[in-house]
Amino acid sequence: MRNIADDRVHLTREHAVELLRQMTRVRRFEEKCAELYTQEKIRGFLHLYIGEEANAVGVISTLTGDEAIVATYREHGHALVRGLPMNEVMAEMFGKAVGSSRGRGGSMHIFSAHHRFFGGNAIVAGGLPLAVGLALADKMLGIERATCCFFGEGAAAEGEFHESLNLAALWHLPVLFVCENNFYAMGTALARSQSNPSISARAAVYGIASEAVDGMNVVDVEAAARRAVHAVRRGEGPRFIETKTYRFRAHSMFDPDLYREKAEIETWKKRDPMVLFADWALSAALLNLDDREAIEADVAQEIEAAVAFAEAADFEPVEDLMKDVVSPPSEYIR
């Protein structure tokens, strides 16, 4: 893998500030959600993205606003980087009616048609067929844009993964598959469940150009995504990126995290994507210490405002709970 300095020619000071700002927003948002979860203000399942921020930030920075994004249940970071207002995302975490999914989706189903952010999908690999459908629609309509689909390495063991890659290659669809490989499908290490741990190699089997990159390095991720997205937009068919990353927290807030050695986690934390990028950008004179302090202060204010917004918002009225709920006609009920 290339050293982070290899792509510095593509970075301006303004862009470096934005990359760090977005990673900081995601990290501090997730940390606040963990705190609110322990206070029982956020309920249900909660899957945190801490440690993986470089992937959402690096990839989404290469997409235009009208290019669709499909994500997994660990999608808060993707939603924020995509541009969904933090107020709406936090309100959704609280289950409030002003949330991005009107409080009905919660942590795992963040959605915004306006931002062309199509989930938030709780089913492992469930987003891949959706991404293929969106890309197929664009091709049939003659619209030249990419659809981006994020998923974890656990999805590569599902049938939808193989079906989706096969159809995308067969129909030459404009879709970018991004596998965020954090090496643990819930509590099972990839090496314990897969005879070939290379996810990018599986994409190559279907004739899809694929690349594995350092998912802790936002510059590497962005550079790979830029190459892939440009190829997709040029009509060169689907592309596949495997980002090798690591989640610093357990699979979910319910997970006791007994399947990993603490030393392993600490080793990966030494490659914290925020610290790695900030330290390099400082040494390259793209950032200064005042930038870091200003970003942290601005993000702290944004999160404080989002929490206040969510806490003050109302839940959906009981009388509206059946709205948009469809049931089959009585003659079909046995």
Protein backbone atom coordinates (compact mmCIF):
# COMPACT_ATOMS: atom_id res chain seq x y z
CA MET A 1 0.00 0.00 0.00
CA ARG A 2 1.18 3.53 -0.75
CA ASN A 3 2.42 5.89 1.91
CA ILE A 4 -0.01 8.67 2.80
CA ALA A 5 2.34 11.27 1.32
CA ASP A 6 2.02 9.81 -2.18
CA ASP A 7 -1.27 11.62 -2.79
CA ARG A 8 -0.56 14.93 -1.09
CA VAL A 9 -0.39 16.66 -4.48
CA HIS A 10 -4.17 16.24 -4.67
CA LEU A 11 -4.77 17.85 -1.28
CA THR A 12 -5.34 21.52 -0.63
CA ARG A 13 -5.41 23.05 2.81
CA GLU A 14 -9.18 23.55 2.54
CA HIS A 15 -9.73 19.92 1.63
CA ALA A 16 -7.47 18.68 4.41
CA VAL A 17 -9.45 20.72 6.93
CA GLU A 18 -12.69 19.27 5.58
CA LEU A 19 -11.45 15.68 5.76
CA LEU A 20 -10.43 16.10 9.39
CA ARG A 21 -13.64 17.97 10.21
CA GLN A 22 -15.83 15.20 8.82
CA MET A 23 -13.90 12.44 10.61
CA THR A 24 -14.12 14.43 13.84
CA ARG A 25 -17.88 14.92 13.43
CA VAL A 26 -18.41 11.21 13.00
CA ARG A 27 -16.12 10.23 15.89
CA ARG A 28 -17.62 12.69 18.39
CA PHE A 29 -21.18 11.90 17.30
CA GLU A 30 -20.62 8.19 17.88
CA GLU A 31 -19.00 8.81 21.25
CA LYS A 32 -21.98 10.92 22.29
CA CYS A 33 -24.37 8.21 21.12
CA ALA A 34 -22.55 5.67 23.30
CA GLU A 35 -22.94 8.02 26.26
CA LEU A 36 -26.63 8.60 25.56
CA TYR A 37 -27.18 4.87 25.18
CA THR A 38 -25.88 4.23 28.70
CA GLN A 39 -28.36 6.88 29.88
CA GLU A 40 -31.15 4.98 28.07
CA LYS A 41 -31.97 7.98 25.91
CA ILE A 42 -31.13 5.89 22.85
CA ARG A 43 -32.68 2.43 22.84
CA GLY A 44 -32.51 -0.74 20.78
CA PHE A 45 -29.41 -1.82 18.90
CA LEU A 46 -26.51 0.57 18.43
CA HIS A 47 -23.54 -0.18 16.18
CA LEU A 48 -20.73 2.35 16.39
CA TYR A 49 -18.36 3.39 13.60
CA ILE A 50 -15.47 4.47 15.83
CA GLY A 51 -12.19 3.63 14.10
CA GLU A 52 -13.66 3.32 10.61
CA GLU A 53 -14.23 7.02 9.87
CA ALA A 54 -11.68 7.24 7.05
CA ASN A 55 -13.80 4.96 4.88
CA ALA A 56 -17.03 6.96 4.79
CA VAL A 57 -15.16 10.26 4.58
CA GLY A 58 -12.72 9.14 1.92
CA VAL A 59 -15.29 7.52 -0.37
CA ILE A 60 -18.19 9.95 -0.04
CA SER A 61 -15.92 12.94 -0.68
CA THR A 62 -15.58 11.68 -4.27
CA LEU A 63 -19.33 11.41 -4.93
CA THR A 64 -21.67 14.06 -6.27
CA GLY A 65 -24.83 14.96 -4.37
CA ASP A 66 -27.10 13.09 -6.77
CA GLU A 67 -25.16 9.81 -6.69
CA ALA A 68 -26.99 7.30 -4.52
CA ILE A 69 -25.50 5.76 -1.38
CA VAL A 70 -26.61 2.49 0.21
CA ALA A 71 -25.20 1.61 3.62
CA THR A 72 -25.44 -0.94 6.43
CA TYR A 73 -26.74 -0.77 10.01
CA ARG A 74 -23.43 0.89 11.02
CA GLU A 75 -24.38 3.93 8.96
CA HIS A 76 -24.54 7.02 11.17
CA GLY A 77 -21.16 8.20 9.90
CA HIS A 78 -22.12 7.71 6.26
CA ALA A 79 -25.31 9.70 6.79
CA LEU A 80 -23.50 12.61 8.43
CA VAL A 81 -20.78 12.76 5.78
CA ARG A 82 -23.42 12.56 3.08
CA GLY A 83 -24.93 15.76 4.43
CA LEU A 84 -27.94 14.70 6.47
CA PRO A 85 -28.36 17.32 9.21
CA MET A 86 -26.97 16.11 12.52
CA ASN A 87 -30.14 17.32 14.24
CA GLU A 88 -32.25 14.93 12.16
CA VAL A 89 -29.86 12.01 12.59
CA MET A 90 -29.70 12.48 16.37
CA ALA A 91 -33.49 12.84 16.56
CA GLU A 92 -33.80 9.55 14.70
CA MET A 93 -31.52 7.93 17.25
CA PHE A 94 -33.95 9.13 19.92
CA GLY A 95 -36.92 7.82 17.91
CA LYS A 96 -38.41 11.29 17.54
CA ALA A 97 -40.89 12.28 14.82
CA VAL A 98 -38.54 14.94 13.38
CA GLY A 99 -35.87 12.30 12.77
CA SER A 100 -34.62 11.46 9.30
CA SER A 101 -36.98 8.45 9.19
CA ARG A 102 -39.67 10.11 11.33
CA GLY A 103 -38.44 8.18 14.34
CA ARG A 104 -39.51 4.85 12.87
CA GLY A 105 -36.11 3.60 11.79
CA GLY A 106 -33.83 4.36 14.68
CA SER A 107 -30.12 3.62 14.63
CA MET A 108 -30.16 1.01 11.88
CA HIS A 109 -32.47 2.69 9.36
CA ILE A 110 -31.26 6.22 8.70
CA PHE A 111 -32.80 7.31 5.37
CA SER A 112 -33.17 10.44 3.26
CA ALA A 113 -34.60 10.46 -0.24
CA HIS A 114 -33.64 14.13 -0.54
CA HIS A 115 -29.98 13.25 0.01
CA ARG A 116 -30.29 10.04 -2.03
CA PHE A 117 -29.20 8.13 1.06
CA PHE A 118 -31.00 4.79 0.88
CA GLY A 119 -30.24 3.31 4.29
CA GLY A 120 -29.41 2.05 6.79
CA ASN A 121 -30.21 -1.66 6.15
CA ALA A 122 -30.45 -4.03 9.11
CA ILE A 123 -30.11 -7.19 7.01
CA VAL A 124 -26.54 -8.27 6.31
CA ALA A 125 -25.92 -7.87 2.54
CA GLY A 126 -29.46 -6.50 2.13
CA GLY A 127 -28.22 -3.30 0.55
CA LEU A 128 -26.35 -4.90 -2.34
CA PRO A 129 -29.39 -5.86 -4.44
CA LEU A 130 -30.85 -2.41 -3.77
CA ALA A 131 -27.68 -0.76 -5.08
CA VAL A 132 -27.76 -2.95 -8.18
CA GLY A 133 -31.37 -1.90 -8.78
CA LEU A 134 -30.55 1.79 -8.44
CA ALA A 135 -27.62 1.44 -10.84
CA LEU A 136 -29.76 -0.51 -13.30
CA ALA A 137 -32.38 2.25 -13.23
CA ASP A 138 -29.74 4.87 -14.01
CA LYS A 139 -28.41 2.82 -16.91
CA MET A 140 -31.87 2.28 -18.35
CA LEU A 141 -32.61 6.00 -18.05
CA GLY A 142 -29.26 6.96 -19.58
CA ILE A 143 -28.12 8.84 -16.47
CA GLU A 144 -24.33 8.92 -16.11
CA ARG A 145 -23.68 8.65 -12.38
CA ALA A 146 -22.44 6.11 -9.87
CA THR A 147 -24.28 4.27 -7.12
CA CYS A 148 -22.14 3.51 -4.07
CA CYS A 149 -22.82 0.54 -1.81
CA PHE A 150 -21.11 0.08 1.58
CA PHE A 151 -21.13 -3.28 3.37
CA GLY A 152 -19.01 -5.33 5.75
CA GLU A 153 -16.91 -8.40 5.09
CA GLY A 154 -19.57 -10.60 6.69
CA ALA A 155 -21.82 -9.79 3.72
CA ALA A 156 -19.37 -11.57 1.41
CA ALA A 157 -20.59 -14.90 2.82
CA GLU A 158 -24.19 -14.18 1.80
CA GLY A 159 -25.86 -15.18 -1.44
CA GLU A 160 -26.92 -11.59 -2.17
CA PHE A 161 -23.26 -10.63 -2.43
CA HIS A 162 -22.57 -13.09 -5.24
CA GLU A 163 -25.87 -12.48 -7.00
CA SER A 164 -25.36 -8.73 -6.92
CA LEU A 165 -21.78 -8.79 -8.16
CA ASN A 166 -22.71 -11.23 -10.91
CA LEU A 167 -25.57 -9.08 -12.19
CA ALA A 168 -23.57 -5.87 -11.91
CA ALA A 169 -20.80 -7.40 -14.03
CA LEU A 170 -23.18 -9.13 -16.43
CA TRP A 171 -25.18 -5.96 -17.10
CA HIS A 172 -22.15 -3.62 -16.90
CA LEU A 173 -23.78 -1.47 -14.24
CA PRO A 174 -22.48 1.84 -12.84
CA VAL A 175 -22.06 0.73 -9.24
CA LEU A 176 -19.16 1.04 -6.79
CA PHE A 177 -19.02 -1.71 -4.16
CA VAL A 178 -17.14 -0.76 -0.99
CA CYS A 179 -16.42 -3.55 1.47
CA GLU A 180 -15.46 -2.16 4.87
CA ASN A 181 -13.48 -5.14 6.09
CA ASN A 182 -13.04 -4.79 9.87
CA PHE A 183 -12.03 -8.47 10.13
CA TYR A 184 -14.88 -9.54 12.44
CA ALA A 185 -18.35 -10.47 11.23
CA MET A 186 -20.04 -9.75 14.54
CA GLY A 187 -17.91 -11.97 16.80
CA THR A 188 -16.34 -14.29 14.22
CA ALA A 189 -12.89 -13.53 12.87
CA LEU A 190 -12.72 -13.57 9.09
CA ALA A 191 -9.81 -16.01 9.12
CA ARG A 192 -11.89 -18.50 11.12
CA SER A 193 -14.83 -18.54 8.73
CA GLN A 194 -13.40 -17.96 5.24
CA SER A 195 -10.82 -20.10 3.48
CA ASN A 196 -9.78 -17.08 1.40
CA PRO A 197 -9.89 -13.90 3.52
CA SER A 198 -9.34 -11.62 0.51
CA ILE A 199 -12.72 -10.07 -0.27
CA SER A 200 -11.40 -8.12 -3.26
CA ALA A 201 -10.30 -11.41 -4.84
CA ARG A 202 -13.93 -12.57 -4.87
CA ALA A 203 -14.94 -9.52 -6.88
CA ALA A 204 -12.21 -10.26 -9.40
CA VAL A 205 -13.79 -13.69 -10.00
CA TYR A 206 -16.78 -11.89 -11.53
CA GLY A 207 -14.54 -9.82 -13.78
CA ILE A 208 -14.91 -6.69 -11.66
CA ALA A 209 -11.81 -4.54 -11.30
CA SER A 210 -11.02 -4.52 -7.59
CA GLU A 211 -8.53 -2.97 -5.20
CA ALA A 212 -7.63 -3.44 -1.52
CA VAL A 213 -6.58 -0.31 0.38
CA ASP A 214 -5.59 0.78 3.88
CA GLY A 215 -8.91 1.72 5.46
CA MET A 216 -7.19 3.60 8.28
CA ASN A 217 -5.70 6.06 5.79
CA VAL A 218 -8.25 8.56 4.48
CA VAL A 219 -5.97 9.73 1.67
CA ASP A 220 -5.51 6.20 0.35
CA VAL A 221 -9.24 5.54 0.58
CA GLU A 222 -10.12 8.76 -1.22
CA ALA A 223 -7.57 8.16 -3.97
CA ALA A 224 -8.87 4.63 -4.62
CA ALA A 225 -12.47 5.83 -4.57
CA ARG A 226 -11.68 8.64 -7.00
CA ARG A 227 -10.15 6.21 -9.47
CA ALA A 228 -13.05 3.80 -9.15
CA VAL A 229 -15.81 6.41 -9.36
CA HIS A 230 -14.28 8.00 -12.45
CA ALA A 231 -14.19 4.60 -14.16
CA VAL A 232 -17.80 3.88 -13.22
CA ARG A 233 -18.96 7.25 -14.54
CA ARG A 234 -17.08 6.67 -17.80
CA GLY A 235 -19.21 3.60 -18.40
CA GLU A 236 -16.46 1.08 -17.64
CA GLY A 237 -18.74 -1.05 -15.50
CA PRO A 238 -18.72 -1.79 -11.76
CA ARG A 239 -15.74 -1.35 -9.48
CA PHE A 240 -14.89 -2.88 -6.10
CA ILE A 241 -12.84 -1.51 -3.19
CA GLU A 242 -11.94 -3.46 -0.06
CA THR A 243 -10.94 -1.13 2.76
CA LYS A 244 -9.00 -2.90 5.50
CA THR A 245 -10.17 -1.18 8.64
CA TYR A 246 -10.96 -1.86 12.29
CA ARG A 247 -13.71 -0.95 14.72
CA PHE A 248 -12.36 0.11 18.09
CA ARG A 249 -15.61 -0.68 19.88
CA ALA A 250 -17.56 -3.95 20.08
CA HIS A 251 -19.93 -5.04 17.32
CA SER A 252 -22.82 -3.41 19.17
CA MET A 253 -23.51 -1.97 22.59
CA PHE A 254 -24.87 -5.39 23.63
CA ASP A 255 -21.63 -7.14 22.66
CA PRO A 256 -19.23 -7.99 25.56
CA ASP A 257 -16.38 -8.16 23.00
CA LEU A 258 -14.82 -11.33 24.37
CA TYR A 259 -13.58 -12.66 21.03
CA ARG A 260 -10.67 -10.20 20.58
CA GLU A 261 -7.49 -9.76 22.53
CA LYS A 262 -7.21 -6.35 24.17
CA ALA A 263 -3.67 -6.09 22.87
CA GLU A 264 -4.97 -6.41 19.31
CA ILE A 265 -7.38 -3.53 19.80
CA GLU A 266 -4.65 -1.35 21.31
CA THR A 267 -2.35 -2.12 18.38
CA TRP A 268 -4.97 -0.96 15.91
CA LYS A 269 -5.68 2.17 17.96
CA LYS A 270 -2.10 3.21 17.30
CA ARG A 271 -3.26 3.64 13.69
CA ASP A 272 -6.26 5.79 14.57
CA PRO A 273 -7.30 7.32 11.21
CA MET A 274 -7.90 10.76 12.71
CA VAL A 275 -4.52 10.89 14.42
CA LEU A 276 -2.72 9.40 11.42
CA PHE A 277 -4.12 12.02 9.07
CA ALA A 278 -3.88 14.99 11.42
CA ASP A 279 -0.25 14.27 12.30
CA TRP A 280 0.71 13.92 8.66
CA ALA A 281 -1.24 17.04 7.61
CA LEU A 282 0.47 19.02 10.36
CA SER A 283 3.89 17.87 9.20
CA ALA A 284 2.96 18.74 5.61
CA ALA A 285 1.82 22.23 6.68
CA LEU A 286 -1.72 21.55 5.45
CA LEU A 287 -3.09 21.95 8.98
CA ASN A 288 -2.01 23.73 12.14
CA LEU A 289 -2.85 23.20 15.80
CA ASP A 290 -5.38 26.02 15.72
CA ASP A 291 -7.29 24.14 13.01
CA ARG A 292 -7.61 21.06 15.20
CA GLU A 293 -8.80 23.08 18.17
CA ALA A 294 -11.29 25.02 16.07
CA ILE A 295 -12.69 21.84 14.54
CA GLU A 296 -13.14 20.22 17.94
CA ALA A 297 -14.88 23.33 19.30
CA ASP A 298 -17.23 23.61 16.32
CA VAL A 299 -18.10 19.91 16.43
CA ALA A 300 -18.77 20.06 20.17
CA GLN A 301 -21.26 22.89 19.61
CA GLU A 302 -22.92 21.01 16.74
CA ILE A 303 -23.37 17.89 18.86
CA GLU A 304 -24.66 19.86 21.85
CA ALA A 305 -27.24 21.53 19.62
CA ALA A 306 -28.25 18.19 18.06
CA VAL A 307 -28.80 16.57 21.46
CA ALA A 308 -30.87 19.54 22.64
CA PHE A 309 -32.91 19.38 19.43
CA ALA A 310 -33.56 15.65 19.84
CA GLU A 311 -34.45 15.88 23.52
CA ALA A 312 -36.91 18.74 22.91
CA ALA A 313 -38.62 17.03 19.96
CA ASP A 314 -41.86 15.06 20.21
CA PHE A 315 -42.47 11.40 19.61
CA GLU A 316 -44.90 10.49 16.85
CA PRO A 317 -48.51 10.77 18.11
CA VAL A 318 -50.09 7.44 18.95
CA GLU A 319 -52.92 8.12 16.52
CA ASP A 320 -50.38 8.27 13.64
CA LEU A 321 -48.68 4.96 14.34
CA MET A 322 -50.72 3.11 11.70
CA LYS A 323 -50.04 5.73 9.05
CA ASP A 324 -48.19 4.24 6.05
CA VAL A 325 -48.66 0.73 7.47
CA VAL A 326 -50.10 -1.53 4.77
CA SER A 327 -51.93 -4.77 5.49
CA PRO A 328 -53.22 -7.33 2.96
CA PRO A 329 -56.93 -7.36 2.04
CA SER A 330 -59.03 -9.42 4.42
CA GLU A 331 -59.70 -12.09 1.80
CA TYR A 332 -56.01 -13.00 1.81
CA ILE A 333 -55.85 -13.45 5.56
CA ARG A 334 -56.39 -17.07 6.62
